[in-house]
């Protein structure tokens, strides 16, 4: 991604999310994945890979969520 592309993306990002977007673009944060699956690891072929424990915990949360 070029610098112009990054600046264009940040201009379209809500002001309160720009700091998080900058960190993500610098490679310092895996984004929202870090919140939901803190033990996830990057894999070049599969993207972010969660542990079986995390998958089970998220499955239970989805079943019990009130919506």
N, C-alpha and C. Protein backbone atom coordinates (compact mmCIF):
# COMPACT_ATOMS: atom_id res chain seq x y z
N UNK A 1 0.85 -1.16 0.00
CA UNK A 1 0.00 0.00 0.00
C UNK A 1 0.90 1.23 0.00
N UNK A 2 0.63 2.14 -0.91
CA UNK A 2 1.44 3.34 -1.00
C UNK A 2 1.06 4.34 0.09
N UNK A 3 1.91 5.32 0.27
CA UNK A 3 1.61 6.35 1.28
C UNK A 3 0.32 7.08 0.95
N UNK A 4 0.09 7.36 -0.33
CA UNK A 4 -1.14 8.03 -0.75
C UNK A 4 -2.36 7.17 -0.42
N UNK A 5 -2.26 5.86 -0.66
CA UNK A 5 -3.37 4.96 -0.33
C UNK A 5 -3.67 4.99 1.16
N UNK A 6 -2.60 4.99 1.98
CA UNK A 6 -2.78 5.02 3.43
C UNK A 6 -3.44 6.32 3.87
N UNK A 7 -2.99 7.44 3.30
CA UNK A 7 -3.59 8.74 3.66
C UNK A 7 -5.05 8.79 3.24
N UNK A 8 -5.35 8.25 2.08
CA UNK A 8 -6.74 8.22 1.60
C UNK A 8 -7.61 7.39 2.54
N UNK A 9 -7.08 6.27 2.99
CA UNK A 9 -7.82 5.42 3.92
C UNK A 9 -8.06 6.15 5.24
N UNK A 10 -7.04 6.82 5.76
CA UNK A 10 -7.19 7.53 7.03
C UNK A 10 -8.19 8.68 6.92
N UNK A 11 -8.25 9.34 5.77
CA UNK A 11 -9.23 10.42 5.59
C UNK A 11 -10.66 9.88 5.65
N UNK A 12 -10.85 8.64 5.22
CA UNK A 12 -12.19 8.04 5.23
C UNK A 12 -12.51 7.36 6.55
N UNK A 13 -11.55 7.32 7.47
CA UNK A 13 -11.73 6.66 8.76
C UNK A 13 -12.20 7.67 9.79
N UNK A 14 -13.17 7.28 10.61
CA UNK A 14 -13.68 8.17 11.65
C UNK A 14 -12.54 8.63 12.54
N UNK A 15 -12.64 9.87 12.98
CA UNK A 15 -11.54 10.47 13.75
C UNK A 15 -11.15 9.64 14.97
N UNK A 16 -12.11 9.06 15.67
CA UNK A 16 -11.79 8.29 16.87
C UNK A 16 -11.17 6.93 16.55
N UNK A 17 -11.15 6.54 15.30
CA UNK A 17 -10.56 5.26 14.91
C UNK A 17 -9.24 5.43 14.16
N UNK A 18 -8.85 6.68 13.92
CA UNK A 18 -7.65 6.92 13.12
C UNK A 18 -6.38 6.43 13.80
N UNK A 19 -6.27 6.57 15.12
CA UNK A 19 -5.07 6.10 15.81
C UNK A 19 -4.93 4.59 15.65
N UNK A 20 -6.03 3.87 15.84
CA UNK A 20 -5.99 2.42 15.68
C UNK A 20 -5.66 2.05 14.23
N UNK A 21 -6.21 2.78 13.28
CA UNK A 21 -5.92 2.51 11.87
C UNK A 21 -4.45 2.74 11.57
N UNK A 22 -3.86 3.81 12.12
CA UNK A 22 -2.43 4.08 11.89
C UNK A 22 -1.57 2.94 12.43
N UNK A 23 -1.89 2.48 13.64
CA UNK A 23 -1.12 1.39 14.23
C UNK A 23 -1.24 0.12 13.38
N UNK A 24 -2.44 -0.16 12.90
CA UNK A 24 -2.66 -1.33 12.05
C UNK A 24 -1.83 -1.22 10.77
N UNK A 25 -1.84 -0.05 10.14
CA UNK A 25 -1.10 0.14 8.90
C UNK A 25 0.41 0.04 9.12
N UNK A 26 0.86 0.34 10.32
CA UNK A 26 2.29 0.21 10.65
C UNK A 26 2.65 -1.22 11.03
N UNK A 27 1.67 -2.09 11.11
CA UNK A 27 1.92 -3.49 11.44
C UNK A 27 2.09 -3.73 12.92
N UNK A 28 1.65 -2.79 13.74
CA UNK A 28 1.82 -2.91 15.18
C UNK A 28 0.64 -3.56 15.88
N UNK A 29 -0.43 -3.77 15.17
CA UNK A 29 -1.61 -4.35 15.80
C UNK A 29 -2.34 -5.22 14.79
N UNK A 30 -2.77 -6.39 15.21
CA UNK A 30 -3.55 -7.23 14.30
C UNK A 30 -5.00 -6.77 14.21
N UNK A 31 -5.30 -5.60 14.76
CA UNK A 31 -6.66 -5.08 14.67
C UNK A 31 -7.59 -5.72 15.67
N UNK A 32 -8.82 -5.85 15.28
CA UNK A 32 -9.86 -6.34 16.19
C UNK A 32 -9.60 -7.78 16.62
N UNK A 33 -8.84 -8.52 15.85
CA UNK A 33 -8.56 -9.92 16.18
C UNK A 33 -7.90 -10.04 17.54
N UNK A 34 -7.09 -9.07 17.90
CA UNK A 34 -6.38 -9.12 19.17
C UNK A 34 -7.36 -9.08 20.34
N UNK A 35 -8.49 -8.42 20.17
CA UNK A 35 -9.48 -8.35 21.24
C UNK A 35 -10.25 -9.65 21.39
N UNK A 36 -10.67 -10.22 20.29
CA UNK A 36 -11.52 -11.40 20.34
C UNK A 36 -10.75 -12.71 20.47
N UNK A 37 -9.54 -12.72 19.96
CA UNK A 37 -8.73 -13.94 20.02
C UNK A 37 -7.29 -13.56 20.33
N UNK A 38 -7.01 -13.22 21.60
CA UNK A 38 -5.68 -12.74 21.94
C UNK A 38 -4.57 -13.76 21.72
N UNK A 39 -4.91 -15.04 21.63
CA UNK A 39 -3.88 -16.05 21.40
C UNK A 39 -3.76 -16.44 19.92
N UNK A 40 -4.44 -15.70 19.05
CA UNK A 40 -4.37 -16.00 17.61
C UNK A 40 -2.97 -15.70 17.10
N UNK A 41 -2.60 -16.41 16.06
CA UNK A 41 -1.28 -16.20 15.46
C UNK A 41 -1.44 -16.05 13.95
N UNK A 42 -0.60 -15.23 13.34
CA UNK A 42 -0.70 -15.05 11.89
C UNK A 42 -0.12 -16.25 11.15
N UNK A 43 -0.77 -16.63 10.08
CA UNK A 43 -0.30 -17.71 9.22
C UNK A 43 -0.35 -17.18 7.78
N UNK A 44 0.73 -17.31 7.03
CA UNK A 44 0.75 -16.73 5.68
C UNK A 44 -0.30 -17.33 4.74
N UNK A 45 -0.72 -18.56 4.99
CA UNK A 45 -1.70 -19.20 4.10
C UNK A 45 -3.13 -19.07 4.60
N UNK A 46 -3.32 -19.12 5.91
CA UNK A 46 -4.67 -19.14 6.48
C UNK A 46 -5.10 -17.84 7.13
N UNK A 47 -4.24 -16.84 7.19
CA UNK A 47 -4.58 -15.59 7.87
C UNK A 47 -4.41 -15.78 9.37
N UNK A 48 -5.32 -15.25 10.16
CA UNK A 48 -5.24 -15.39 11.62
C UNK A 48 -5.82 -16.73 12.04
N UNK A 49 -5.07 -17.47 12.83
CA UNK A 49 -5.47 -18.80 13.26
C UNK A 49 -5.67 -18.78 14.78
N UNK A 50 -6.88 -19.13 15.21
CA UNK A 50 -7.21 -19.15 16.63
C UNK A 50 -6.99 -20.54 17.21
N UNK A 51 -6.79 -20.60 18.52
CA UNK A 51 -6.66 -21.89 19.18
C UNK A 51 -8.04 -22.52 19.31
N UNK A 52 -8.08 -23.81 19.55
CA UNK A 52 -9.36 -24.51 19.74
C UNK A 52 -10.11 -23.95 20.95
N UNK A 53 -9.38 -23.58 22.00
CA UNK A 53 -10.02 -23.01 23.19
C UNK A 53 -10.74 -21.69 22.86
N UNK A 54 -10.09 -20.85 22.07
CA UNK A 54 -10.70 -19.59 21.69
C UNK A 54 -11.94 -19.82 20.84
N UNK A 55 -11.85 -20.73 19.90
CA UNK A 55 -13.01 -21.04 19.04
C UNK A 55 -14.18 -21.53 19.89
N UNK A 56 -13.91 -22.39 20.85
CA UNK A 56 -14.97 -22.91 21.71
C UNK A 56 -15.56 -21.80 22.58
N UNK A 57 -14.71 -20.94 23.12
CA UNK A 57 -15.20 -19.83 23.96
C UNK A 57 -16.08 -18.89 23.15
N UNK A 58 -15.68 -18.59 21.91
CA UNK A 58 -16.49 -17.72 21.06
C UNK A 58 -17.80 -18.41 20.65
N UNK A 59 -17.76 -19.71 20.44
CA UNK A 59 -18.98 -20.44 20.10
C UNK A 59 -19.98 -20.36 21.25
N UNK A 60 -19.50 -20.57 22.47
CA UNK A 60 -20.38 -20.49 23.63
C UNK A 60 -20.95 -19.09 23.80
N UNK A 61 -20.10 -18.09 23.60
CA UNK A 61 -20.56 -16.71 23.73
C UNK A 61 -21.66 -16.41 22.72
N UNK A 62 -21.49 -16.89 21.48
CA UNK A 62 -22.51 -16.67 20.44
C UNK A 62 -23.83 -17.34 20.80
N UNK A 63 -23.77 -18.52 21.38
CA UNK A 63 -24.99 -19.21 21.77
C UNK A 63 -25.74 -18.49 22.88
N UNK A 64 -24.98 -17.87 23.79
CA UNK A 64 -25.59 -17.24 24.95
C UNK A 64 -25.90 -15.75 24.73
N UNK A 65 -25.41 -15.18 23.64
CA UNK A 65 -25.62 -13.75 23.40
C UNK A 65 -27.11 -13.44 23.24
N UNK A 66 -27.51 -12.35 23.86
CA UNK A 66 -28.92 -11.94 23.82
C UNK A 66 -29.15 -11.02 22.64
N UNK A 67 -29.50 -11.59 21.51
CA UNK A 67 -29.85 -10.79 20.34
C UNK A 67 -30.79 -11.55 19.46
